[in-house]
Amino acid sequence: MKKSIYALLFVGMVAFLAPTLTSAPLLNLPEKEFDFGYVPQNSKVTHVFWLFNNGDDTLKIKKVVPG
């Protein structure tokens, strides 16, 4: 009887905690690079990269290094 109660409690705790154990951010960057082609000297160019979080937790971007 005690074993079945403990087993039931264990299963309940796993079912309760499982979503928090598997939640994580997931970065989706559809476009990883962009080629501007020929750009005359001293020209200014811009491009927007879209970032998406396909995970189920908050995605934190702490540092961006252009290059």
PDB file of N, CA and C in Angstrom:
ATOM      1  N   MET A   1       0.826  -1.195   0.000  1.00  0.00           N
ATOM      2  CA  MET A   1       0.000   0.000   0.000  1.00  0.00           C
ATOM      3  C   MET A   1       0.863   1.249   0.000  1.00  0.00           C
ATOM      4  N   LYS A   2       1.916   1.275   0.887  1.00  0.00           N
ATOM      5  CA  LYS A   2       2.781   2.453   0.930  1.00  0.00           C
ATOM      6  C   LYS A   2       3.514   2.647  -0.389  1.00  0.00           C
ATOM      7  N   LYS A   3       3.961   1.533  -1.001  1.00  0.00           N
ATOM      8  CA  LYS A   3       4.683   1.644  -2.259  1.00  0.00           C
ATOM      9  C   LYS A   3       3.800   2.230  -3.348  1.00  0.00           C
ATOM     10  N   SER A   4       2.550   1.844  -3.378  1.00  0.00           N
ATOM     11  CA  SER A   4       1.657   2.359  -4.420  1.00  0.00           C
ATOM     12  C   SER A   4       1.371   3.845  -4.207  1.00  0.00           C
ATOM     13  N   ILE A   5       1.301   4.295  -2.967  1.00  0.00           N
ATOM     14  CA  ILE A   5       1.091   5.715  -2.686  1.00  0.00           C
ATOM     15  C   ILE A   5       2.321   6.515  -3.114  1.00  0.00           C
ATOM     16  N   TYR A   6       3.513   6.006  -2.774  1.00  0.00           N
ATOM     17  CA  TYR A   6       4.741   6.683  -3.176  1.00  0.00           C
ATOM     18  C   TYR A   6       4.880   6.714  -4.697  1.00  0.00           C
ATOM     19  N   ALA A   7       4.525   5.615  -5.336  1.00  0.00           N
ATOM     20  CA  ALA A   7       4.600   5.567  -6.799  1.00  0.00           C
ATOM     21  C   ALA A   7       3.639   6.576  -7.420  1.00  0.00           C
ATOM     22  N   LEU A   8       2.449   6.687  -6.882  1.00  0.00           N
ATOM     23  CA  LEU A   8       1.465   7.641  -7.378  1.00  0.00           C
ATOM     24  C   LEU A   8       1.942   9.076  -7.161  1.00  0.00           C
ATOM     25  N   LEU A   9       2.531   9.354  -6.009  1.00  0.00           N
ATOM     26  CA  LEU A   9       3.085  10.684  -5.750  1.00  0.00           C
ATOM     27  C   LEU A   9       4.228  10.999  -6.710  1.00  0.00           C
ATOM     28  N   PHE A  10       5.079  10.019  -6.955  1.00  0.00           N
ATOM     29  CA  PHE A  10       6.198  10.216  -7.874  1.00  0.00           C
ATOM     30  C   PHE A  10       5.692  10.529  -9.282  1.00  0.00           C
ATOM     31  N   VAL A  11       4.732   9.773  -9.761  1.00  0.00           N
ATOM     32  CA  VAL A  11       4.173  10.001 -11.097  1.00  0.00           C
ATOM     33  C   VAL A  11       3.524  11.376 -11.167  1.00  0.00           C
ATOM     34  N   GLY A  12       2.828  11.765 -10.119  1.00  0.00           N
ATOM     35  CA  GLY A  12       2.202  13.089 -10.092  1.00  0.00           C
ATOM     36  C   GLY A  12       3.233  14.205 -10.129  1.00  0.00           C
ATOM     37  N   MET A  13       4.329  14.042  -9.394  1.00  0.00           N
ATOM     38  CA  MET A  13       5.373  15.065  -9.388  1.00  0.00           C
ATOM     39  C   MET A  13       6.057  15.154 -10.745  1.00  0.00           C
ATOM     40  N   VAL A  14       6.313  14.016 -11.378  1.00  0.00           N
ATOM     41  CA  VAL A  14       6.936  14.023 -12.698  1.00  0.00           C
ATOM     42  C   VAL A  14       6.011  14.701 -13.707  1.00  0.00           C
ATOM     43  N   ALA A  15       4.732  14.406 -13.659  1.00  0.00           N
ATOM     44  CA  ALA A  15       3.778  15.029 -14.572  1.00  0.00           C
ATOM     45  C   ALA A  15       3.694  16.536 -14.332  1.00  0.00           C
ATOM     46  N   PHE A  16       3.826  16.960 -13.086  1.00  0.00           N
ATOM     47  CA  PHE A  16       3.757  18.384 -12.741  1.00  0.00           C
ATOM     48  C   PHE A  16       5.036  19.108 -13.154  1.00  0.00           C
ATOM     49  N   LEU A  17       6.195  18.477 -12.956  1.00  0.00           N
ATOM     50  CA  LEU A  17       7.471  19.135 -13.220  1.00  0.00           C
ATOM     51  C   LEU A  17       7.974  18.966 -14.651  1.00  0.00           C
ATOM     52  N   ALA A  18       7.464  18.018 -15.392  1.00  0.00           N
ATOM     53  CA  ALA A  18       7.967  17.742 -16.736  1.00  0.00           C
ATOM     54  C   ALA A  18       7.929  18.956 -17.658  1.00  0.00           C
ATOM     55  N   PRO A  19       6.863  19.725 -17.707  1.00  0.00           N
ATOM     56  CA  PRO A  19       6.876  20.894 -18.602  1.00  0.00           C
ATOM     57  C   PRO A  19       7.959  21.911 -18.247  1.00  0.00           C
ATOM     58  N   THR A  20       8.255  22.095 -16.972  1.00  0.00           N
ATOM     59  CA  THR A  20       9.281  23.060 -16.600  1.00  0.00           C
ATOM     60  C   THR A  20      10.678  22.514 -16.856  1.00  0.00           C
ATOM     61  N   LEU A  21      10.839  21.217 -16.844  1.00  0.00           N
ATOM     62  CA  LEU A  21      12.144  20.630 -17.102  1.00  0.00           C
ATOM     63  C   LEU A  21      12.499  20.662 -18.580  1.00  0.00           C
ATOM     64  N   THR A  22      11.506  20.678 -19.444  1.00  0.00           N
ATOM     65  CA  THR A  22      11.756  20.636 -20.879  1.00  0.00           C
ATOM     66  C   THR A  22      11.587  21.986 -21.544  1.00  0.00           C
ATOM     67  N   SER A  23      11.160  23.017 -20.824  1.00  0.00           N
ATOM     68  CA  SER A  23      10.974  24.313 -21.461  1.00  0.00           C
ATOM     69  C   SER A  23      12.319  24.976 -21.701  1.00  0.00           C
ATOM     70  N   ALA A  24      12.473  25.530 -22.894  1.00  0.00           N
ATOM     71  CA  ALA A  24      13.725  26.188 -23.252  1.00  0.00           C
ATOM     72  C   ALA A  24      13.474  27.128 -24.430  1.00  0.00           C
ATOM     73  N   PRO A  25      14.283  28.162 -24.550  1.00  0.00           N
ATOM     74  CA  PRO A  25      14.178  29.008 -25.732  1.00  0.00           C
ATOM     75  C   PRO A  25      14.770  28.286 -26.947  1.00  0.00           C
ATOM     76  N   LEU A  26      14.315  28.643 -28.127  1.00  0.00           N
ATOM     77  CA  LEU A  26      14.822  28.034 -29.350  1.00  0.00           C
ATOM     78  C   LEU A  26      14.914  29.117 -30.411  1.00  0.00           C
ATOM     79  N   LEU A  27      16.126  29.551 -30.716  1.00  0.00           N
ATOM     80  CA  LEU A  27      16.346  30.615 -31.690  1.00  0.00           C
ATOM     81  C   LEU A  27      16.112  30.105 -33.101  1.00  0.00           C
ATOM     82  N   ASN A  28      15.288  30.834 -33.842  1.00  0.00           N
ATOM     83  CA  ASN A  28      15.055  30.554 -35.252  1.00  0.00           C
ATOM     84  C   ASN A  28      15.524  31.778 -36.019  1.00  0.00           C
ATOM     85  N   LEU A  29      16.569  31.627 -36.803  1.00  0.00           N
ATOM     86  CA  LEU A  29      17.140  32.700 -37.607  1.00  0.00           C
ATOM     87  C   LEU A  29      17.055  32.250 -39.065  1.00  0.00           C
ATOM     88  N   PRO A  30      15.947  32.585 -39.752  1.00  0.00           N
ATOM     89  CA  PRO A  30      15.737  32.077 -41.106  1.00  0.00           C
ATOM     90  C   PRO A  30      16.841  32.483 -42.087  1.00  0.00           C
ATOM     91  N   GLU A  31      17.378  33.679 -41.919  1.00  0.00           N
ATOM     92  CA  GLU A  31      18.407  34.180 -42.834  1.00  0.00           C
ATOM     93  C   GLU A  31      19.697  34.373 -42.037  1.00  0.00           C
ATOM     94  N   LYS A  32      20.707  33.583 -42.317  1.00  0.00           N
ATOM     95  CA  LYS A  32      21.936  33.614 -41.525  1.00  0.00           C
ATOM     96  C   LYS A  32      22.967  34.598 -42.076  1.00  0.00           C
ATOM     97  N   GLU A  33      22.865  34.932 -43.352  1.00  0.00           N
ATOM     98  CA  GLU A  33      23.783  35.895 -43.949  1.00  0.00           C
ATOM     99  C   GLU A  33      23.078  36.613 -45.083  1.00  0.00           C
ATOM    100  N   PHE A  34      23.650  37.753 -45.486  1.00  0.00           N
ATOM    101  CA  PHE A  34      23.070  38.545 -46.560  1.00  0.00           C
ATOM    102  C   PHE A  34      24.202  39.133 -47.387  1.00  0.00           C
ATOM    103  N   ASP A  35      24.124  38.985 -48.701  1.00  0.00           N
ATOM    104  CA  ASP A  35      25.143  39.507 -49.602  1.00  0.00           C
ATOM    105  C   ASP A  35      24.601  40.770 -50.266  1.00  0.00           C
ATOM    106  N   PHE A  36      25.229  41.906 -49.979  1.00  0.00           N
ATOM    107  CA  PHE A  36      24.803  43.170 -50.570  1.00  0.00           C
ATOM    108  C   PHE A  36      25.231  43.296 -52.026  1.00  0.00           C
ATOM    109  N   GLY A  37      26.095  42.421 -52.469  1.00  0.00           N
ATOM    110  CA  GLY A  37      26.604  42.545 -53.829  1.00  0.00           C
ATOM    111  C   GLY A  37      27.588  43.700 -53.918  1.00  0.00           C
ATOM    112  N   TYR A  38      27.629  44.349 -55.067  1.00  0.00           N
ATOM    113  CA  TYR A  38      28.532  45.491 -55.249  1.00  0.00           C
ATOM    114  C   TYR A  38      27.994  46.698 -54.489  1.00  0.00           C
ATOM    115  N   VAL A  39      28.832  47.291 -53.661  1.00  0.00           N
ATOM    116  CA  VAL A  39      28.475  48.499 -52.913  1.00  0.00           C
ATOM    117  C   VAL A  39      29.583  49.522 -53.153  1.00  0.00           C
ATOM    118  N   PRO A  40      29.229  50.673 -53.738  1.00  0.00           N
ATOM    119  CA  PRO A  40      30.249  51.702 -53.965  1.00  0.00           C
ATOM    120  C   PRO A  40      30.880  52.154 -52.650  1.00  0.00           C
ATOM    121  N   GLN A  41      32.131  52.593 -52.729  1.00  0.00           N
ATOM    122  CA  GLN A  41      32.855  53.047 -51.553  1.00  0.00           C
ATOM    123  C   GLN A  41      32.123  54.208 -50.898  1.00  0.00           C
ATOM    124  N   ASN A  42      32.140  54.243 -49.562  1.00  0.00           N
ATOM    125  CA  ASN A  42      31.506  55.272 -48.724  1.00  0.00           C
ATOM    126  C   ASN A  42      29.976  55.224 -48.761  1.00  0.00           C
ATOM    127  N   SER A  43      29.401  54.157 -49.285  1.00  0.00           N
ATOM    128  CA  SER A  43      27.939  54.012 -49.283  1.00  0.00           C
ATOM    129  C   SER A  43      27.495  53.430 -47.951  1.00  0.00           C
ATOM    130  N   LYS A  44      26.296  53.758 -47.552  1.00  0.00           N
ATOM    131  CA  LYS A  44      25.720  53.179 -46.339  1.00  0.00           C
ATOM    132  C   LYS A  44      24.656  52.160 -46.757  1.00  0.00           C
ATOM    133  N   VAL A  45      24.744  50.983 -46.177  1.00  0.00           N
ATOM    134  CA  VAL A  45      23.769  49.937 -46.470  1.00  0.00           C
ATOM    135  C   VAL A  45      23.214  49.391 -45.162  1.00  0.00           C
ATOM    136  N   THR A  46      22.011  48.908 -45.199  1.00  0.00           N
ATOM    137  CA  THR A  46      21.391  48.286 -44.024  1.00  0.00           C
ATOM    138  C   THR A  46      20.629  47.036 -44.468  1.00  0.00           C
ATOM    139  N   HIS A  47      20.431  46.178 -43.520  1.00  0.00           N
ATOM    140  CA  HIS A  47      19.617  44.984 -43.746  1.00  0.00           C
ATOM    141  C   HIS A  47      19.048  44.550 -42.400  1.00  0.00           C
ATOM    142  N   VAL A  48      17.826  44.090 -42.390  1.00  0.00           N
ATOM    143  CA  VAL A  48      17.174  43.639 -41.160  1.00  0.00           C
ATOM    144  C   VAL A  48      17.191  42.113 -41.119  1.00  0.00           C
ATOM    145  N   PHE A  49      17.712  41.578 -40.023  1.00  0.00           N
ATOM    146  CA  PHE A  49      17.659  40.142 -39.777  1.00  0.00           C
ATOM    147  C   PHE A  49      16.554  39.887 -38.765  1.00  0.00           C
ATOM    148  N   TRP A  50      15.626  39.028 -39.099  1.00  0.00           N
ATOM    149  CA  TRP A  50      14.529  38.694 -38.191  1.00  0.00           C
ATOM    150  C   TRP A  50      14.939  37.525 -37.308  1.00  0.00           C
ATOM    151  N   LEU A  51      14.691  37.674 -36.009  1.00  0.00           N
ATOM    152  CA  LEU A  51      14.963  36.621 -35.033  1.00  0.00           C
ATOM    153  C   LEU A  51      13.631  36.174 -34.450  1.00  0.00           C
ATOM    154  N   PHE A  52      13.433  34.880 -34.340  1.00  0.00           N
ATOM    155  CA  PHE A  52      12.203  34.342 -33.780  1.00  0.00           C
ATOM    156  C   PHE A  52      12.533  33.375 -32.649  1.00  0.00           C
ATOM    157  N   ASN A  53      11.710  33.379 -31.631  1.00  0.00           N
ATOM    158  CA  ASN A  53      11.830  32.411 -30.544  1.00  0.00           C
ATOM    159  C   ASN A  53      10.757  31.355 -30.745  1.00  0.00           C
ATOM    160  N   ASN A  54      11.156  30.180 -31.178  1.00  0.00           N
ATOM    161  CA  ASN A  54      10.204  29.087 -31.383  1.00  0.00           C
ATOM    162  C   ASN A  54      10.130  28.167 -30.173  1.00  0.00           C
ATOM    163  N   GLY A  55      10.805  28.532 -29.099  1.00  0.00           N
ATOM    164  CA  GLY A  55      10.755  27.739 -27.875  1.00  0.00           C
ATOM    165  C   GLY A  55       9.611  28.173 -26.988  1.00  0.00           C
ATOM    166  N   ASP A  56       9.561  27.593 -25.807  1.00  0.00           N
ATOM    167  CA  ASP A  56       8.485  27.906 -24.880  1.00  0.00           C
ATOM    168  C   ASP A  56       9.007  28.580 -23.611  1.00  0.00           C
ATOM    169  N   ASP A  57      10.150  29.249 -23.736  1.00  0.00           N
ATOM    170  CA  ASP A  57      10.696  30.033 -22.635  1.00  0.00           C
ATOM    171  C   ASP A  57      11.272  31.317 -23.223  1.00  0.00           C
ATOM    172  N   THR A  58      11.595  32.266 -22.394  1.00  0.00           N
ATOM    173  CA  THR A  58      12.090  33.557 -22.848  1.00  0.00           C
ATOM    174  C   THR A  58      13.483  33.424 -23.457  1.00  0.00           C
ATOM    175  N   LEU A  59      13.650  33.982 -24.654  1.00  0.00           N
ATOM    176  CA  LEU A  59      14.949  33.996 -25.324  1.00  0.00           C
ATOM    177  C   LEU A  59      15.637  35.307 -24.991  1.00  0.00           C
ATOM    178  N   LYS A  60      16.822  35.240 -24.416  1.00  0.00           N
ATOM    179  CA  LYS A  60      17.587  36.428 -24.047  1.00  0.00           C
ATOM    180  C   LYS A  60      18.812  36.528 -24.932  1.00  0.00           C
ATOM    181  N   ILE A  61      18.920  37.628 -25.659  1.00  0.00           N
ATOM    182  CA  ILE A  61      20.086  37.878 -26.496  1.00  0.00           C
ATOM    183  C   ILE A  61      20.981  38.811 -25.709  1.00  0.00           C
ATOM    184  N   LYS A  62      22.122  38.312 -25.271  1.00  0.00           N
ATOM    185  CA  LYS A  62      22.982  39.069 -24.378  1.00  0.00           C
ATOM    186  C   LYS A  62      24.087  39.819 -25.109  1.00  0.00           C
ATOM    187  N   LYS A  63      24.448  39.378 -26.302  1.00  0.00           N
ATOM    188  CA  LYS A  63      25.540  40.035 -27.004  1.00  0.00           C
ATOM    189  C   LYS A  63      25.391  39.788 -28.502  1.00  0.00           C
ATOM    190  N   VAL A  64      25.637  40.840 -29.281  1.00  0.00           N
ATOM    191  CA  VAL A  64      25.615  40.736 -30.740  1.00  0.00           C
ATOM    192  C   VAL A  64      26.965  41.221 -31.244  1.00  0.00           C
ATOM    193  N   VAL A  65      27.602  40.419 -32.067  1.00  0.00           N
ATOM    194  CA  VAL A  65      28.902  40.782 -32.622  1.00  0.00           C
ATOM    195  C   VAL A  65      28.779  40.798 -34.136  1.00  0.00           C
ATOM    196  N   PRO A  66      28.766  41.984 -34.758  1.00  0.00           N
ATOM    197  CA  PRO A  66      28.697  42.045 -36.220  1.00  0.00           C
ATOM    198  C   PRO A  66      30.030  41.634 -36.822  1.00  0.00           C
ATOM    199  N   GLY A  67      30.005  41.148 -38.016  1.00  0.00           N
ATOM    200  CA  GLY A  67      31.272  40.771 -38.615  1.00  0.00           C
ATOM    201  C   GLY A  67      31.079  40.218 -39.923  1.00  0.00           C
TER     202      GLY A  67
END
